[in-house]
Protein backbone atom coordinates (compact mmCIF):
# COMPACT_ATOMS: atom_id res chain seq x y z
CA UNK A 1 210.23 245.00 162.83
CA UNK A 2 208.78 246.91 159.99
CA UNK A 3 210.70 244.85 157.47
CA UNK A 4 209.48 241.61 158.95
CA UNK A 5 205.87 242.57 158.56
CA UNK A 6 206.32 243.44 154.94
CA UNK A 7 207.96 240.17 154.20
CA UNK A 8 205.20 238.32 155.87
CA UNK A 9 202.60 240.19 153.78
CA UNK A 10 204.38 239.37 150.56
CA UNK A 11 204.39 235.66 151.35
CA UNK A 12 200.71 235.66 152.00
CA UNK A 13 199.98 237.33 148.67
CA UNK A 14 202.01 234.70 146.79
CA UNK A 15 200.16 231.91 148.49
CA UNK A 16 196.83 233.52 147.50
CA UNK A 17 197.81 233.71 143.86
CA UNK A 18 198.80 230.01 143.87
CA UNK A 19 195.45 228.93 145.35
CA UNK A 20 193.51 230.99 142.79
CA UNK A 21 195.44 229.44 139.91
CA UNK A 22 194.82 225.92 141.12
CA UNK A 23 191.08 226.57 141.54
CA UNK A 24 190.81 227.90 137.96
CA UNK A 25 192.50 224.83 136.52
CA UNK A 26 190.18 222.52 138.46
CA UNK A 27 187.06 224.36 137.18
CA UNK A 28 188.22 224.18 133.54
CA UNK A 29 188.80 220.44 133.78
CA UNK A 30 185.32 219.85 135.19
CA UNK A 31 183.66 221.79 132.38
CA UNK A 32 185.68 219.87 129.84
CA UNK A 33 184.62 216.54 131.32
CA UNK A 34 181.00 217.64 131.38
CA UNK A 35 181.12 218.59 127.68
CA UNK A 36 182.67 215.24 126.80
CA UNK A 37 179.93 213.44 128.70
CA UNK A 38 177.17 215.36 126.85
CA UNK A 39 178.83 214.58 123.50
CA UNK A 40 178.99 210.85 124.27
CA UNK A 41 175.36 210.78 125.37
CA UNK A 42 174.27 212.62 122.19
CA UNK A 43 176.32 210.30 120.01
CA UNK A 44 174.88 207.23 121.70
CA UNK A 45 171.28 208.46 121.15
CA UNK A 46 171.95 209.14 117.45
CA UNK A 47 173.43 205.66 116.97
CA UNK A 48 170.44 204.04 118.69
CA UNK A 49 167.96 206.00 116.51
CA UNK A 50 169.80 204.91 113.35
CA UNK A 51 169.81 201.26 114.44
CA UNK A 52 166.08 201.30 115.27
CA UNK A 53 165.20 203.01 111.95
CA UNK A 54 167.16 200.43 109.95
CA UNK A 55 165.45 197.60 111.82
CA UNK A 56 161.96 199.02 111.09
CA UNK A 57 162.76 199.46 107.37
CA UNK A 58 164.02 195.88 107.12
CA UNK A 59 160.87 194.49 108.78
CA UNK A 60 158.55 196.45 106.47
CA UNK A 61 160.51 195.40 103.37
CA UNK A 62 160.34 191.75 104.37
CA UNK A 63 156.59 191.99 105.01
CA UNK A 64 155.95 193.63 101.60
CA UNK A 65 157.96 191.00 99.79
CA UNK A 66 156.03 188.23 101.52
CA UNK A 67 152.69 189.66 100.22
CA UNK A 68 153.71 189.56 96.53
CA UNK A 69 153.05 186.17 94.85
CA UNK A 70 156.44 184.77 94.00
CA UNK A 71 155.40 181.81 91.87
CA UNK A 72 153.00 181.05 89.03
CA UNK A 73 151.12 178.66 91.32
CA UNK A 74 150.29 181.49 93.72
CA UNK A 75 148.94 183.61 90.89
CA UNK A 76 146.89 180.72 89.51
CA UNK A 77 145.42 180.01 92.92
CA UNK A 78 143.71 183.41 92.85
CA UNK A 79 142.35 183.17 89.31
CA UNK A 80 138.62 183.09 88.77
CA UNK A 81 137.15 182.04 85.42
CA UNK A 82 133.71 183.34 84.42
CA UNK A 83 131.89 182.46 81.18
CA UNK A 84 128.85 184.49 80.10
CA UNK A 85 126.58 183.61 77.20
CA UNK A 86 124.24 186.30 75.89
CA UNK A 87 121.31 184.82 74.02
CA UNK A 88 119.75 188.05 72.75
CA UNK A 89 122.88 189.19 70.91
CA UNK A 90 124.03 185.69 69.95
CA UNK A 91 127.52 186.30 71.31
CA UNK A 92 129.62 184.55 73.92
CA UNK A 93 132.38 186.07 75.93
CA UNK A 94 134.84 184.72 78.49
CA UNK A 95 135.96 186.96 81.32
CA UNK A 96 139.11 186.15 83.29
CA UNK A 97 139.80 187.85 86.61
CA UNK A 98 143.24 187.68 88.24
CA UNK A 99 143.17 188.73 91.88
CA UNK A 100 146.27 189.75 93.85
CA UNK A 101 146.80 193.06 95.60
CA UNK A 102 144.79 194.62 92.76
CA UNK A 103 142.14 193.13 90.44
CA UNK A 104 142.29 193.27 86.65
CA UNK A 105 139.57 192.21 84.20
CA UNK A 106 140.18 191.11 80.63
CA UNK A 107 137.40 190.47 78.10
CA UNK A 108 138.24 188.17 75.22
CA UNK A 109 135.73 188.02 72.34
CA UNK A 110 135.05 184.57 70.94
CA UNK A 111 133.78 183.43 67.58
CA UNK A 112 129.98 183.06 67.45
CA UNK A 113 130.21 179.49 66.27
CA UNK A 114 131.77 178.46 69.60
CA UNK A 115 128.31 178.90 71.13
CA UNK A 116 125.87 178.72 68.19
CA UNK A 117 125.93 176.67 65.04
CA UNK A 118 125.87 178.48 61.74
CA UNK A 119 122.35 179.66 60.93
CA UNK A 120 119.94 177.60 58.93
CA UNK A 121 117.77 179.83 56.79
CA UNK A 122 114.18 179.35 55.69
CA UNK A 123 112.82 181.37 52.78
CA UNK A 124 110.02 183.85 53.50
CA UNK A 125 108.02 186.12 51.30
CA UNK A 126 109.30 189.64 50.58
CA UNK A 127 109.85 192.03 53.48
CA UNK A 128 109.53 189.92 56.66
CA UNK A 129 108.85 192.33 59.53
CA UNK A 130 106.85 191.14 62.54
CA UNK A 131 107.40 187.72 64.08
CA UNK A 132 106.42 185.50 66.99
CA UNK A 133 107.41 181.98 68.03
CA UNK A 134 104.75 179.78 69.65
CA UNK A 135 103.38 176.24 69.36
CA UNK A 136 100.38 176.56 67.02
CA UNK A 137 99.70 172.85 66.36
CA UNK A 138 99.81 171.58 69.95
CA UNK A 139 102.77 169.22 69.51
CA UNK A 140 104.86 170.90 72.25
CA UNK A 141 107.27 172.29 69.68
CA UNK A 142 107.34 176.08 69.07
CA UNK A 143 106.61 177.18 65.53
CA UNK A 144 107.51 180.40 63.68
CA UNK A 145 104.94 182.93 62.42
CA UNK A 146 106.12 185.83 60.25
CA UNK A 147 104.24 188.78 58.72
CA UNK A 148 105.50 190.84 55.81
CA UNK A 149 105.43 194.58 55.34
CA UNK A 150 106.11 194.35 51.61
CA UNK A 151 103.56 191.69 50.71
CA UNK A 152 100.10 190.60 51.86
CA UNK A 153 101.06 187.27 53.38
CA UNK A 154 101.64 185.45 56.65
CA UNK A 155 104.23 182.65 56.69
CA UNK A 156 103.99 179.73 59.11
CA UNK A 157 106.97 177.42 59.68
CA UNK A 158 106.05 174.28 61.62
CA UNK A 159 108.65 172.78 63.94
CA UNK A 160 109.40 169.18 62.90
CA UNK A 161 111.90 168.54 65.69
CA UNK A 162 115.66 168.73 66.18
CA UNK A 163 115.52 172.48 65.59
CA UNK A 164 114.34 172.15 61.99
CA UNK A 165 111.22 173.57 60.37
CA UNK A 166 109.03 172.87 57.39
CA UNK A 167 109.08 175.14 54.38
CA UNK A 168 106.78 178.13 54.67
CA UNK A 169 103.04 177.91 54.33
CA UNK A 170 101.70 181.26 53.09
CA UNK A 171 98.34 182.82 53.92
CA UNK A 172 97.21 185.84 51.94
CA UNK A 173 95.64 188.64 53.98
CA UNK A 174 96.29 192.29 53.14
CA UNK A 175 99.17 194.53 52.15
CA UNK A 176 101.80 195.85 54.56
CA UNK A 177 101.33 193.61 57.58
CA UNK A 178 103.26 194.91 60.53
CA UNK A 179 102.59 193.19 63.85
CA UNK A 180 101.34 189.74 64.89
CA UNK A 181 99.86 188.09 67.99
CA UNK A 182 98.92 184.45 68.47
CA UNK A 183 96.06 183.81 70.94
CA UNK A 184 93.04 181.50 71.14
CA UNK A 185 90.26 184.02 70.48
CA UNK A 186 87.35 181.60 69.95
CA UNK A 187 87.86 179.34 72.94
CA UNK A 188 88.52 176.13 71.00
CA UNK A 189 91.96 175.49 72.58
CA UNK A 190 93.68 176.24 69.30
CA UNK A 191 95.84 179.33 68.83
CA UNK A 192 94.66 181.82 66.23
CA UNK A 193 96.61 184.53 64.41
CA UNK A 194 95.84 188.26 64.67
CA UNK A 195 97.76 190.72 62.49
CA UNK A 196 97.69 194.48 61.86
CA UNK A 197 97.47 195.89 58.36
CA UNK A 198 98.94 199.40 58.36
CA UNK A 199 98.08 200.07 54.73
CA UNK A 200 94.38 199.19 54.91
CA UNK A 201 93.78 200.29 58.51
CA UNK A 202 92.44 197.05 59.92
CA UNK A 203 93.24 193.96 61.92
CA UNK A 204 92.84 190.48 60.50
CA UNK A 205 91.94 187.30 62.39
CA UNK A 206 92.90 183.87 61.01
CA UNK A 207 91.39 180.86 62.80
CA UNK A 208 93.36 177.72 63.56
CA UNK A 209 91.60 174.64 62.11
CA UNK A 210 93.70 172.18 64.10
CA UNK A 211 95.03 170.54 60.93
CA UNK A 212 98.18 172.63 60.63
CA UNK A 213 96.11 175.14 58.72
CA UNK A 214 94.50 178.56 59.19
CA UNK A 215 91.33 179.91 57.62
CA UNK A 216 89.16 182.99 57.77
CA UNK A 217 90.89 186.27 57.33
CA UNK A 218 88.09 188.20 59.05
CA UNK A 219 88.88 191.92 59.08
CA UNK A 220 87.97 194.63 61.60
CA UNK A 221 88.54 198.32 61.02
CA UNK A 222 90.83 200.35 63.22
CA UNK A 223 92.23 203.87 63.12
CA UNK A 224 94.86 205.11 60.69
CA UNK A 225 98.02 202.95 60.52
CA UNK A 226 97.57 200.36 63.29
CA UNK A 227 101.16 199.64 64.17
CA UNK A 228 101.08 197.19 67.07
CA UNK A 229 98.60 194.72 68.60
CA UNK A 230 97.91 193.25 72.02
CA UNK A 231 95.28 190.56 72.62
CA UNK A 232 94.11 190.32 76.24
CA UNK A 233 90.85 190.18 78.17
CA UNK A 234 90.15 193.77 79.33
CA UNK A 235 86.51 193.38 80.44
CA UNK A 236 86.82 190.28 82.62
CA UNK A 237 84.59 188.02 80.52
CA UNK A 238 87.30 185.38 79.85
CA UNK A 239 87.40 186.30 76.18
CA UNK A 240 90.55 187.99 74.80
CA UNK A 241 90.02 191.43 73.29
CA UNK A 242 92.11 193.33 70.74
CA UNK A 243 93.93 196.60 71.53
CA UNK A 244 95.67 198.51 68.74
CA UNK A 245 97.55 201.87 68.71
CA UNK A 246 96.87 203.96 65.62
CA UNK A 247 100.09 205.77 64.80
CA UNK A 248 98.60 208.32 62.41
CA UNK A 249 95.25 209.08 64.05
CA UNK A 250 96.42 209.85 67.61
CA UNK A 251 94.29 207.15 69.16
CA UNK A 252 94.08 203.61 70.48
CA UNK A 253 91.36 201.19 69.38
CA UNK A 254 89.69 198.61 71.62
CA UNK A 255 87.76 195.77 69.94
CA UNK A 256 85.85 193.66 72.46
CA UNK A 257 85.44 189.93 71.89
CA UNK A 258 81.72 189.16 71.71
CA UNK A 259 82.13 185.40 71.43
CA UNK A 260 82.93 182.73 68.82
CA UNK A 261 85.98 184.72 67.77
CA UNK A 262 83.92 187.71 66.67
CA UNK A 263 84.69 191.26 67.74
CA UNK A 264 82.71 194.45 68.20
CA UNK A 265 83.40 197.58 66.23
CA UNK A 266 86.30 199.57 67.59
CA UNK A 267 85.98 202.05 70.43
CA UNK A 268 88.70 204.70 70.11
CA UNK A 269 90.40 206.70 72.86
CA UNK A 270 92.55 209.75 72.24
CA UNK A 271 96.30 209.56 72.79
CA UNK A 272 99.24 211.66 71.66
CA UNK A 273 100.71 211.55 68.17
CA UNK A 274 102.95 208.84 66.80
CA UNK A 275 101.73 205.84 68.80
CA UNK A 276 103.75 202.88 67.58
CA UNK A 277 103.51 200.59 70.57
CA UNK A 278 101.01 199.50 73.22
CA UNK A 279 101.31 197.68 76.53
CA UNK A 280 98.42 196.37 78.61
CA UNK A 281 98.86 195.85 82.36
CA UNK A 282 97.13 196.62 85.65
CA UNK A 283 99.13 199.61 86.88
CA UNK A 284 96.84 200.76 89.70
CA UNK A 285 96.24 197.43 91.44
CA UNK A 286 92.46 197.26 90.84
CA UNK A 287 92.64 193.91 88.99
CA UNK A 288 91.67 195.56 85.71
CA UNK A 289 94.24 195.83 82.90
CA UNK A 290 95.06 199.39 81.81
CA UNK A 291 96.44 200.65 78.50
CA UNK A 292 99.88 202.27 78.21
CA UNK A 293 100.84 204.01 74.96
CA UNK A 294 104.07 205.93 74.24
CA UNK A 295 103.65 208.87 71.84
CA UNK A 296 106.76 209.45 69.76
CA UNK A 297 105.42 212.69 68.28
CA UNK A 298 104.26 214.20 71.58
CA UNK A 299 107.09 213.19 73.94
CA UNK A 300 104.88 211.71 76.61
CA UNK A 301 103.34 208.37 77.54
CA UNK A 302 99.57 207.96 77.84
CA UNK A 303 97.94 205.83 80.52
CA UNK A 304 94.28 204.97 80.05
CA UNK A 305 92.83 203.47 83.22
CA UNK A 306 90.34 200.64 82.94
CA UNK A 307 87.07 201.76 84.59
CA UNK A 308 85.29 198.44 84.04
CA UNK A 309 83.11 196.80 81.39
CA UNK A 310 85.79 197.29 78.77
CA UNK A 311 85.74 201.07 79.06
CA UNK A 312 88.72 203.32 79.71
CA UNK A 313 89.28 206.78 81.16
CA UNK A 314 90.71 209.71 79.25
CA UNK A 315 94.46 209.55 78.97
CA UNK A 316 96.69 210.61 81.84
CA UNK A 317 99.97 211.87 80.41
CA UNK A 318 103.51 211.59 81.77
CA UNK A 319 106.44 213.46 80.23
CA UNK A 320 109.20 211.37 78.66
CA UNK A 321 112.28 212.09 76.59
CA UNK A 322 112.26 212.85 72.89
CA UNK A 323 110.55 210.29 70.65
CA UNK A 324 109.26 207.63 73.05
CA UNK A 325 108.80 204.64 70.82
CA UNK A 326 108.72 201.35 72.75
CA UNK A 327 107.12 200.60 76.12
CA UNK A 328 107.21 197.81 78.69
CA UNK A 329 105.61 197.47 82.12
CA UNK A 330 107.34 195.70 85.02
CA UNK A 331 108.00 196.17 88.73
CA UNK A 332 111.65 197.23 88.67
CA UNK A 333 112.06 198.30 92.31
CA UNK A 334 110.32 195.40 94.09
CA UNK A 335 107.54 197.46 95.66
CA UNK A 336 104.75 195.37 94.07
CA UNK A 337 103.75 198.28 91.82
CA UNK A 338 104.35 198.00 88.05
CA UNK A 339 106.61 200.69 86.59
CA UNK A 340 106.82 201.95 83.00
CA UNK A 341 109.97 201.67 80.90
CA UNK A 342 110.22 203.77 77.74
CA UNK A 343 112.71 203.92 74.88
CA UNK A 344 113.42 207.57 73.99
CA UNK A 345 114.64 207.21 70.41
CA UNK A 346 115.46 210.91 69.99
CA UNK A 347 117.52 211.09 73.18
CA UNK A 348 119.24 207.74 72.69
CA UNK A 349 118.26 206.54 76.15
CA UNK A 350 115.77 204.55 78.18
CA UNK A 351 113.40 206.23 80.62
CA UNK A 352 112.03 204.62 83.79
CA UNK A 353 108.83 205.98 85.35
CA UNK A 354 108.45 204.58 88.86
CA UNK A 355 104.93 203.89 90.04
CA UNK A 356 104.19 205.92 93.17
């Protein structure tokens, strides 16, 4: 009996070991299959990512290639041709712009004779300096008037049509003429000539006779070295007056027109030093023209306000750069108030004083 029980126990133990072994093998197989499944899924995702990336790159490449002009006709279709002629410098330039993804600009200088004919010269006296171009004989053709700093003469070249002029007609006045204005000062509808004489400190008026000739040579004293001249009515009597900056006496002279082309003695107003230019304009909107004078030796511009009856206030000064030499007055910011533009010769720049 005892032996039978032992045998039975042994058989049970063997069966248990067999079941355990089979269970282990089944578990190992399942883990293996799971790992294989994960690997395949991972591999599939990687392949899909690669395919999508390649597709995106191909689309972008195709799009980029389609934006680049592939023919000469496409490039020419986006070409703009601009021609600019600059009268003041007597040059002409052609600018070609080619527009694609980027824009490039090329400037090609041209010969002057492609825009202007070769110059025709007309002999003057020695040292031509100041000049103006205006119709002085009422034939609707502008004539040339030249003054000379080395001689005492004025040259007049009458326009005979087709861009040609007569030989000079000389009028003797005084030595070292510098600036010239042409205005009807005696109300006879004929333009007269007014010049500054920097050597003899006066202005000279030559009257237009209407026969292509000028007479007179009436002189009026100014300050020391009158360098520029403006002729404009400053006292609202419909008669143009004379305004002159005196470069060596730190002043500006005003000579009022008293009728028949005659002028009063000068009234002087203090400015800074080195006044080589004058501008006359209404800068404070009171319908009376004011005087603007740059002072190259003082580095400021003087403004003398017109207080009526041909009289002016003391100068108001505004700081500029070094050596303000030239002046102009214009509304540059479209606010209906005239601004002052100055050339600062010592600083190599232009200054703009906005009217507030």
